[in-house]
Each structure stands twice: as structure tokens, then as C-alpha cells.
Amino acid sequence: MQPFRLIIFGLACALLAGCEDKAESRAAPPQPVRAIRASSAQYQPRAEITGEVKARIQTDVSFRVGGKVIERPVDVGSRVRAGDVLARIENAEQRADVDIARAGLQSAQATVKQKTLAFERYKALLQSRAIAQATFDLSQEELLTAQGSLQVAEAALATAQDASSYTELKADADGVITARNIEVGQVVSAAQAAFTLAHDGPREAVFNVFEAFFLEGRPQTDVDVASINDRAGKVKTTIREVSPTIDTKAGTVRVKVVLPQDAQWPLGTTVVGEFRSLPRKGIVLPSSAMASAGGMPAVWIIDTASRSVSLRKVSVSRYQTSDFIVTGGITPQDLIVTDGGKFLREGQAVVWEVK
């Protein structure tokens, strides 16, 4: 019984092996795919960046002396005129300095008056030879010294009065307060920024453009700018300034564009700018043509002679919403698979339909 079972098992194995040989001998049917003919085209990288409307001239206003803030009549958004008081600090110390300087001036004036009378008297006595020349010369020297002291006292009073005026912080131009850094009761130091004043006049839009956009050179100077609330209302602008440095934290470059006078957007308005690089040449392929070869971008290329496909790595210069730009790895007129490439393998036979 055992030999009979072994014979049956051997016949079964031989039968299965014959079936596998026949299956392998039959060629797999070609895989249907869709393809396009690669062609060189000009493309222009674009980027939409969000920015903000700002005044071209914007200054930080600060006190020239330190002290405690006792009054702040303006706030963010306040429109001011040149000379308007923005804030005040305690001036008791400055007033005391003015009083001391004024008293010093009065003392110097009295001394000059006294020395002048003495000089005139000695002058008359000298003419009648009632006094010696040395006595007259001494009175003249004392008068000159008193006059010099008077000039010093006048300068000291002017300085004290000037320092007293620094306790009032005034606007240096017409404009709008865009930032406030002090509050009543706060003790501020000299040169500490108290307000930011956006001067009336030209406006500009400021954008922080990602660094990668500059890898192939500066963008074109023409920029289309629109309010984020009205994308249809675009205005043509030009780049005024590109920062020579990169914000290391954000990886961006600050770009300022000049806004035309008819763009009546308030300060702080959020705008969108469309930046364009210089036109370049490449091969534009739809996103469906993208494949991977060892983690690198690749495409399937159809060999029309053997009617089979091969996977080829490509150099991609830019990925876009619905396509990507190839600058190396393929040439114009290559037949590229766009649909049906997910289940392909190297050397597989295909039939194709060209879009």
C-alpha cells in the first residue's frame, strides 16, 4: 500500500510541474497605459506671499530723559500732527534744575551790574588821575570775568529749560500711531521706544519671502498685489528693496514693494503679492507621471522598439499643484507613462494610448 501512495504522489507532482511550465510558457498580456510625448516648454516659477501695508517712513519715538509716565493722551491708531504731545513724564527734578539755573543767572546778572558800575567809576577816576592804572586794570578784569560767568549762567538756564522740555514727548511728523510700548505709571529710561509713528506719505507692502525662492536669482521687479479680501482688485507694483540678509529663524527674506497712490489700503491691511522668477525652460509633466526609484523621483519611459517600459530617475526643479518641472534625466520626444504606471515593472510589455 505504501509504494502505491508514493507512485500516486509522484504522478501528482509531475502533473503540477507540467502545468507550471505551460503557464510560464504563455506570455503575460501587455499592460495598457496612457502616455504623453515629452516636449520642452518655457515656465515661470510663481509664488503667492502674504504681506502687510506699511508706511515707507516709520520711526520709533522715545523720551530723551528717563522718568515716570504721568500722562499718555494717544493710543494705537491715533492720528497726530507734528508737535502734538504724545506723553509726559514727571518733571519735578527738571523744574528744580531750571530754578537753580535761573537763580544762578540772576546772581550773575547782579554781579555784572556791580562790576560794570565799578568799572565806570574807576574809569572816571583814572582820567582825573585819582587812582593808579593797576586799580583800573583790576576792575576791568573783574568785569570781563563777571560777563563770562553771565554767559555760562545763560547757557546753563537754556540747557535746564531744554532738558525740562524733554519731559514732553512730541510727534516729529504727521502720521498714525501704530505701536505703543508705555503706560501711565511706568518708569521709562532715556531712548526707550515709547511709540511707533507711521509717517503720512508713500505706502508700501512688506513681504517675508521664503529663502528657496531666491536660490535661482532675484525675482522679477514687477509684482501683482491685491487685498486678501478682494483678490480681483490687483494693482501693479515694483520691488523697491530686497533685504541683503536672511531671517535665520523664519528662513525668509524681507521684500518691500512700492504701492501706487490710488491703492487706498489702510495701514496694516493684509495683502497678497504674486512674485515671479525669470522664465526658464524645462519639461512639464503631470503629477500622475511621477514614480519613485529608490526614493528618488523617476518616470516610466516607453521603448517603442521593444514595446516595453523602463524606470528612469529625473531631476525635478519645481513641484507645482498639478504638475512638476523636469530639467534632467529625459529628453524631448521621450514617451512618458502618465496613467497605469503604479503596477509596472522593469521591462514589462505595454500597449499605450498617447494623449
Protein backbone atom coordinates (compact mmCIF):
# COMPACT_ATOMS: atom_id res chain seq x y z
CA MET A 1 0.00 0.00 0.00
CA GLN A 2 2.83 2.38 0.83
CA PRO A 3 4.59 2.05 -2.59
CA PHE A 4 1.23 2.71 -4.31
CA ARG A 5 0.79 6.00 -2.42
CA LEU A 6 4.30 7.12 -3.33
CA ILE A 7 3.60 6.45 -7.02
CA ILE A 8 0.38 8.49 -6.91
CA PHE A 9 2.19 11.38 -5.13
CA GLY A 10 4.96 11.36 -7.76
CA LEU A 11 2.43 11.45 -10.63
CA ALA A 12 0.65 14.40 -8.99
CA CYS A 13 3.90 16.37 -8.63
CA ALA A 14 4.80 15.71 -12.23
CA LEU A 15 1.37 16.87 -13.37
CA LEU A 16 1.64 20.13 -11.35
CA ALA A 17 5.13 20.83 -12.69
CA GLY A 18 3.86 20.40 -16.22
CA CYS A 19 1.05 22.89 -15.58
CA GLU A 20 3.52 25.47 -14.21
CA ASP A 21 5.76 25.06 -17.25
CA LYS A 22 2.80 25.68 -19.53
CA ALA A 23 1.75 28.75 -17.51
CA GLU A 24 5.23 30.22 -17.74
CA SER A 25 5.43 29.45 -21.43
CA ARG A 26 2.38 31.58 -22.05
CA ALA A 27 3.48 35.30 -22.29
CA ALA A 28 1.67 37.78 -19.99
CA PRO A 29 -0.57 40.19 -21.92
CA PRO A 30 0.81 43.74 -22.38
CA GLN A 31 -0.19 46.27 -19.70
CA PRO A 32 -2.39 49.08 -21.10
CA VAL A 33 -1.15 52.59 -20.18
CA ARG A 34 -1.58 56.17 -21.22
CA ALA A 35 1.39 58.31 -22.20
CA ILE A 36 2.43 61.72 -23.42
CA ARG A 37 5.28 62.84 -25.64
CA ALA A 38 7.77 64.93 -23.64
CA SER A 39 8.30 68.41 -25.05
CA SER A 40 10.38 71.37 -23.95
CA ALA A 41 8.39 74.34 -22.69
CA GLN A 42 9.02 77.66 -21.03
CA TYR A 43 7.78 78.02 -17.49
CA GLN A 44 7.89 80.79 -14.91
CA PRO A 45 8.01 79.93 -11.20
CA ARG A 46 5.44 81.91 -9.22
CA ALA A 47 4.70 82.29 -5.54
CA GLU A 48 1.87 83.99 -3.67
CA ILE A 49 3.09 85.53 -0.41
CA THR A 50 1.04 87.26 2.28
CA GLY A 51 2.25 90.70 3.37
CA GLU A 52 1.16 93.87 5.13
CA VAL A 53 0.70 97.51 4.15
CA LYS A 54 3.11 99.81 5.99
CA ALA A 55 4.32 103.40 5.80
CA ARG A 56 7.55 103.88 3.92
CA ILE A 57 8.86 106.05 6.77
CA GLN A 58 8.23 104.65 10.22
CA THR A 59 10.03 105.85 13.34
CA ASP A 60 10.27 104.84 16.98
CA VAL A 61 9.60 107.86 19.21
CA SER A 62 11.28 107.93 22.63
CA PHE A 63 11.96 110.25 25.57
CA ARG A 64 15.41 111.82 25.81
CA VAL A 65 15.34 111.64 29.61
CA GLY A 66 14.07 108.99 31.98
CA GLY A 67 11.22 109.23 34.44
CA LYS A 68 7.75 108.09 35.47
CA VAL A 69 4.96 108.43 32.88
CA ILE A 70 2.15 110.62 34.23
CA GLU A 71 0.11 111.17 31.05
CA ARG A 72 -0.48 109.38 27.73
CA PRO A 73 -3.15 111.13 25.63
CA VAL A 74 -2.72 108.96 22.48
CA ASP A 75 -3.05 105.27 21.70
CA VAL A 76 -2.58 102.89 18.79
CA GLY A 77 -4.49 104.17 15.77
CA SER A 78 -4.46 107.81 16.89
CA ARG A 79 -3.76 110.34 14.13
CA VAL A 80 -1.31 113.02 15.27
CA ARG A 81 0.24 116.19 13.89
CA ALA A 82 3.85 117.25 14.17
CA GLY A 83 4.34 118.82 17.61
CA ASP A 84 1.41 117.05 19.29
CA VAL A 85 2.18 115.80 22.81
CA LEU A 86 2.18 112.01 22.92
CA ALA A 87 3.10 111.51 26.59
CA ARG A 88 4.55 113.26 29.64
CA ILE A 89 6.81 112.15 32.47
CA GLU A 90 7.32 113.67 35.94
CA ASN A 91 9.38 116.86 35.69
CA ALA A 92 9.98 117.78 39.34
CA GLU A 93 13.72 117.21 39.02
CA GLN A 94 13.88 119.16 35.77
CA ARG A 95 11.89 122.04 37.27
CA ALA A 96 14.32 122.17 40.21
CA ASP A 97 17.23 122.30 37.77
CA VAL A 98 15.55 125.20 35.94
CA ASP A 99 15.02 127.09 39.24
CA ILE A 100 18.66 126.58 40.21
CA ALA A 101 19.86 127.72 36.80
CA ARG A 102 17.58 130.78 36.89
CA ALA A 103 18.89 131.75 40.34
CA GLY A 104 22.44 131.37 39.08
CA LEU A 105 21.61 133.63 36.14
CA GLN A 106 20.15 136.31 38.41
CA SER A 107 23.26 136.19 40.59
CA ALA A 108 25.49 136.52 37.55
CA GLN A 109 23.44 139.44 36.24
CA ALA A 110 23.74 141.24 39.60
CA THR A 111 27.50 140.65 39.65
CA VAL A 112 27.88 142.04 36.13
CA LYS A 113 25.84 145.11 37.05
CA GLN A 114 28.01 145.71 40.11
CA LYS A 115 31.27 145.22 38.22
CA THR A 116 30.06 147.47 35.42
CA LEU A 117 29.34 150.34 37.85
CA ALA A 118 32.74 149.85 39.50
CA PHE A 119 34.48 149.83 36.13
CA GLU A 120 32.75 153.08 35.04
CA ARG A 121 33.67 154.76 38.34
CA TYR A 122 37.32 153.67 38.14
CA LYS A 123 37.41 154.81 34.54
CA ALA A 124 36.37 158.33 35.55
CA LEU A 125 38.83 158.35 38.44
CA LEU A 126 41.63 157.21 36.14
CA GLN A 127 41.02 160.13 33.82
CA SER A 128 41.41 162.54 36.80
CA ARG A 129 44.45 160.54 37.93
CA ALA A 130 42.80 159.86 41.29
CA ILE A 131 43.67 156.14 41.11
CA ALA A 132 46.53 154.09 39.78
CA GLN A 133 46.41 152.33 36.43
CA ALA A 134 46.68 148.95 38.16
CA THR A 135 43.47 149.57 40.09
CA PHE A 136 41.60 150.31 36.85
CA ASP A 137 43.04 147.25 35.12
CA LEU A 138 41.87 145.06 38.01
CA SER A 139 38.31 146.42 37.78
CA GLN A 140 38.30 145.78 34.03
CA GLU A 141 39.44 142.20 34.54
CA GLU A 142 36.77 141.61 37.16
CA LEU A 143 34.11 142.95 34.77
CA LEU A 144 35.24 140.62 31.99
CA THR A 145 35.18 137.66 34.41
CA ALA A 146 31.65 138.58 35.54
CA GLN A 147 30.49 138.87 31.93
CA GLY A 148 31.90 135.39 31.21
CA SER A 149 30.10 133.98 34.25
CA LEU A 150 26.89 135.56 32.98
CA GLN A 151 27.25 133.77 29.63
CA VAL A 152 27.80 130.48 31.46
CA ALA A 153 24.69 131.08 33.58
CA GLU A 154 22.59 131.88 30.50
CA ALA A 155 23.77 128.66 28.81
CA ALA A 156 23.03 126.65 31.98
CA LEU A 157 19.48 128.02 32.11
CA ALA A 158 18.92 127.26 28.42
CA THR A 159 20.19 123.71 28.98
CA ALA A 160 17.95 123.20 32.00
CA GLN A 161 14.92 124.55 30.13
CA ASP A 162 15.76 122.31 27.17
CA ALA A 163 16.02 119.27 29.47
CA SER A 164 12.69 120.23 31.03
CA SER A 165 11.07 120.23 27.59
CA TYR A 166 12.25 116.61 27.13
CA THR A 167 9.67 115.53 29.71
CA GLU A 168 7.07 116.05 26.97
CA LEU A 169 7.25 113.53 24.13
CA LYS A 170 6.09 115.14 20.90
CA ALA A 171 5.39 113.80 17.42
CA ASP A 172 8.09 114.65 14.92
CA ALA A 173 5.78 114.39 11.88
CA ASP A 174 2.16 113.97 10.82
CA GLY A 175 1.09 110.36 10.92
CA VAL A 176 -0.57 107.47 12.75
CA ILE A 177 0.50 105.72 15.94
CA THR A 178 0.98 102.05 15.04
CA ALA A 179 2.50 100.72 18.29
CA ARG A 180 2.59 101.73 21.98
CA ASN A 181 5.13 100.42 24.48
CA ILE A 182 4.47 102.55 27.57
CA GLU A 183 1.66 103.04 30.06
CA VAL A 184 0.82 105.62 32.72
CA GLY A 185 2.74 104.86 35.93
CA GLN A 186 5.54 103.08 34.12
CA VAL A 187 9.12 104.22 34.67
CA VAL A 188 10.89 104.62 31.35
CA SER A 189 14.53 105.19 30.52
CA ALA A 190 16.04 107.57 28.01
CA ALA A 191 15.89 106.32 24.40
CA GLN A 192 13.41 103.55 25.27
CA ALA A 193 10.94 103.24 22.38
CA ALA A 194 7.59 104.60 23.56
CA PHE A 195 5.57 104.73 20.32
CA THR A 196 5.96 103.78 16.68
CA LEU A 197 4.82 106.54 14.33
CA ALA A 198 3.95 105.79 10.70
CA HIS A 199 4.51 109.00 8.77
CA ASP A 200 1.97 110.24 6.27
CA GLY A 201 3.11 109.85 2.68
CA PRO A 202 4.06 106.91 0.44
CA ARG A 203 2.89 103.44 1.41
CA GLU A 204 4.49 100.09 0.65
CA ALA A 205 3.70 96.43 1.06
CA VAL A 206 6.18 94.36 3.07
CA PHE A 207 6.55 90.61 2.43
CA ASN A 208 8.66 87.89 4.02
CA VAL A 209 9.50 85.67 1.04
CA PHE A 210 10.83 82.16 1.70
CA GLU A 211 14.53 81.75 1.02
CA ALA A 212 14.13 78.97 -1.57
CA PHE A 213 12.51 81.43 -3.99
CA PHE A 214 15.87 83.23 -4.28
CA LEU A 215 18.02 80.16 -4.94
CA GLU A 216 17.95 80.77 -8.68
CA GLY A 217 18.30 84.55 -8.52
CA ARG A 218 16.25 87.60 -7.63
CA PRO A 219 12.59 87.65 -8.68
CA GLN A 220 11.30 89.97 -11.38
CA THR A 221 10.74 93.53 -10.23
CA ASP A 222 7.05 93.52 -11.23
CA VAL A 223 4.70 92.21 -8.52
CA ASP A 224 0.90 91.93 -8.57
CA VAL A 225 -0.59 92.91 -5.20
CA ALA A 226 -4.21 92.55 -4.06
CA SER A 227 -6.07 92.86 -0.78
CA ILE A 228 -6.77 89.49 0.78
CA ASN A 229 -10.45 90.49 0.89
CA ASP A 230 -10.57 91.48 -2.80
CA ARG A 231 -8.30 89.26 -4.86
CA ALA A 232 -9.76 90.61 -8.09
CA GLY A 233 -8.61 94.16 -7.38
CA LYS A 234 -4.95 93.65 -8.27
CA VAL A 235 -2.53 96.55 -8.68
CA LYS A 236 0.80 96.54 -10.47
CA THR A 237 3.74 97.33 -8.19
CA THR A 238 7.52 97.21 -8.34
CA ILE A 239 10.08 95.94 -5.85
CA ARG A 240 11.81 98.80 -4.02
CA GLU A 241 14.06 96.91 -1.65
CA VAL A 242 15.24 93.35 -1.03
CA SER A 243 16.91 92.72 2.31
CA PRO A 244 20.53 91.57 1.91
CA THR A 245 20.17 89.28 4.96
CA ILE A 246 18.05 86.24 5.75
CA ASP A 247 15.91 85.88 8.86
CA THR A 248 17.62 82.82 10.31
CA LYS A 249 14.64 81.91 12.49
CA ALA A 250 11.98 82.00 9.76
CA GLY A 251 14.22 81.37 6.73
CA THR A 252 12.72 84.34 4.88
CA VAL A 253 13.93 87.44 3.08
CA ARG A 254 12.13 90.78 3.57
CA VAL A 255 10.94 92.39 0.35
CA LYS A 256 9.33 95.83 0.08
CA VAL A 257 7.27 96.92 -2.93
CA VAL A 258 6.05 100.42 -3.76
CA LEU A 259 2.27 100.86 -3.74
CA PRO A 260 0.68 103.32 -6.18
CA GLN A 261 -1.11 106.33 -4.76
CA ASP A 262 -4.50 105.06 -5.93
CA ALA A 263 -4.14 101.96 -3.73
CA GLN A 264 -6.04 103.36 -0.75
CA TRP A 265 -5.44 100.46 1.63
CA PRO A 266 -5.22 101.42 5.32
CA LEU A 267 -2.08 100.70 7.29
CA GLY A 268 -1.98 97.11 8.47
CA THR A 269 -4.11 95.77 5.59
CA THR A 270 -3.22 92.17 4.75
CA VAL A 271 -2.32 91.83 1.07
CA VAL A 272 -1.21 89.01 -1.22
CA GLY A 273 1.68 89.52 -3.62
CA GLU A 274 2.38 87.33 -6.66
CA PHE A 275 6.13 87.08 -7.18
CA ARG A 276 7.60 85.72 -10.41
CA SER A 277 11.06 84.40 -11.21
CA LEU A 278 12.71 84.82 -14.59
CA PRO A 279 11.31 82.48 -17.30
CA ARG A 280 13.11 79.13 -17.64
CA LYS A 281 12.97 76.09 -19.91
CA GLY A 282 12.10 72.56 -18.84
CA ILE A 283 9.75 69.64 -19.45
CA VAL A 284 6.38 69.97 -17.76
CA LEU A 285 4.81 66.62 -16.76
CA PRO A 286 1.52 65.94 -14.97
CA SER A 287 1.74 64.79 -11.37
CA SER A 288 0.34 61.37 -12.35
CA ALA A 289 3.60 60.67 -14.24
CA MET A 290 5.67 60.76 -11.03
CA ALA A 291 7.20 57.45 -9.91
CA SER A 292 9.96 56.54 -7.46
CA ALA A 293 13.29 54.78 -7.89
CA GLY A 294 14.93 54.10 -4.56
CA GLY A 295 13.22 57.10 -3.02
CA MET A 296 14.29 59.40 -5.87
CA PRO A 297 11.87 60.96 -8.39
CA ALA A 298 11.56 58.93 -11.57
CA VAL A 299 9.29 58.32 -14.56
CA TRP A 300 8.42 55.30 -16.71
CA ILE A 301 9.70 55.62 -20.30
CA ILE A 302 8.26 53.54 -23.14
CA ASP A 303 10.73 51.98 -25.59
CA THR A 304 8.73 51.93 -28.82
CA ALA A 305 11.09 49.40 -30.43
CA SER A 306 10.72 46.72 -27.75
CA ARG A 307 7.28 47.96 -26.66
CA SER A 308 8.37 47.76 -23.04
CA VAL A 309 8.99 50.21 -20.20
CA SER A 310 11.99 51.22 -18.11
CA LEU A 311 12.23 53.34 -14.95
CA ARG A 312 14.45 56.39 -15.22
CA LYS A 313 15.47 58.85 -12.49
CA VAL A 314 14.85 62.53 -13.26
CA SER A 315 15.92 65.91 -11.88
CA VAL A 316 12.93 67.95 -10.71
CA SER A 317 13.41 71.71 -10.40
CA ARG A 318 9.95 72.54 -9.07
CA TYR A 319 6.84 70.78 -7.80
CA GLN A 320 3.57 72.52 -8.56
CA THR A 321 -0.09 71.89 -7.77
CA SER A 322 -0.92 69.63 -10.72
CA ASP A 323 2.43 69.11 -12.43
CA PHE A 324 6.18 69.19 -11.95
CA ILE A 325 9.13 70.55 -13.93
CA VAL A 326 11.86 68.17 -15.12
CA THR A 327 15.25 69.58 -16.09
CA GLY A 328 17.29 66.40 -16.41
CA GLY A 329 17.03 62.65 -16.98
CA ILE A 330 14.74 62.72 -20.01
CA THR A 331 14.77 64.48 -23.36
CA PRO A 332 12.07 65.92 -25.61
CA GLN A 333 10.18 63.31 -27.65
CA ASP A 334 10.57 60.62 -24.95
CA LEU A 335 7.30 58.75 -24.40
CA ILE A 336 6.35 59.09 -20.73
CA VAL A 337 3.73 56.98 -18.94
CA THR A 338 1.14 59.18 -17.21
CA ASP A 339 -1.58 56.66 -16.22
CA GLY A 340 -1.27 52.98 -15.33
CA GLY A 341 2.29 53.14 -14.04
CA LYS A 342 1.59 52.02 -10.47
CA PHE A 343 1.74 48.29 -11.31
CA LEU A 344 4.53 48.36 -13.88
CA ARG A 345 7.83 46.56 -13.51
CA GLU A 346 11.12 46.97 -15.34
CA GLY A 347 10.99 45.59 -18.92
CA GLN A 348 7.24 44.92 -18.83
CA ALA A 349 5.45 44.88 -22.16
CA VAL A 350 2.86 47.62 -22.61
CA VAL A 351 0.35 48.95 -25.06
CA TRP A 352 -0.21 52.67 -24.92
CA GLU A 353 -2.52 55.44 -25.83
CA VAL A 354 -0.94 58.84 -26.44
CA LYS A 355 -2.84 61.81 -25.04
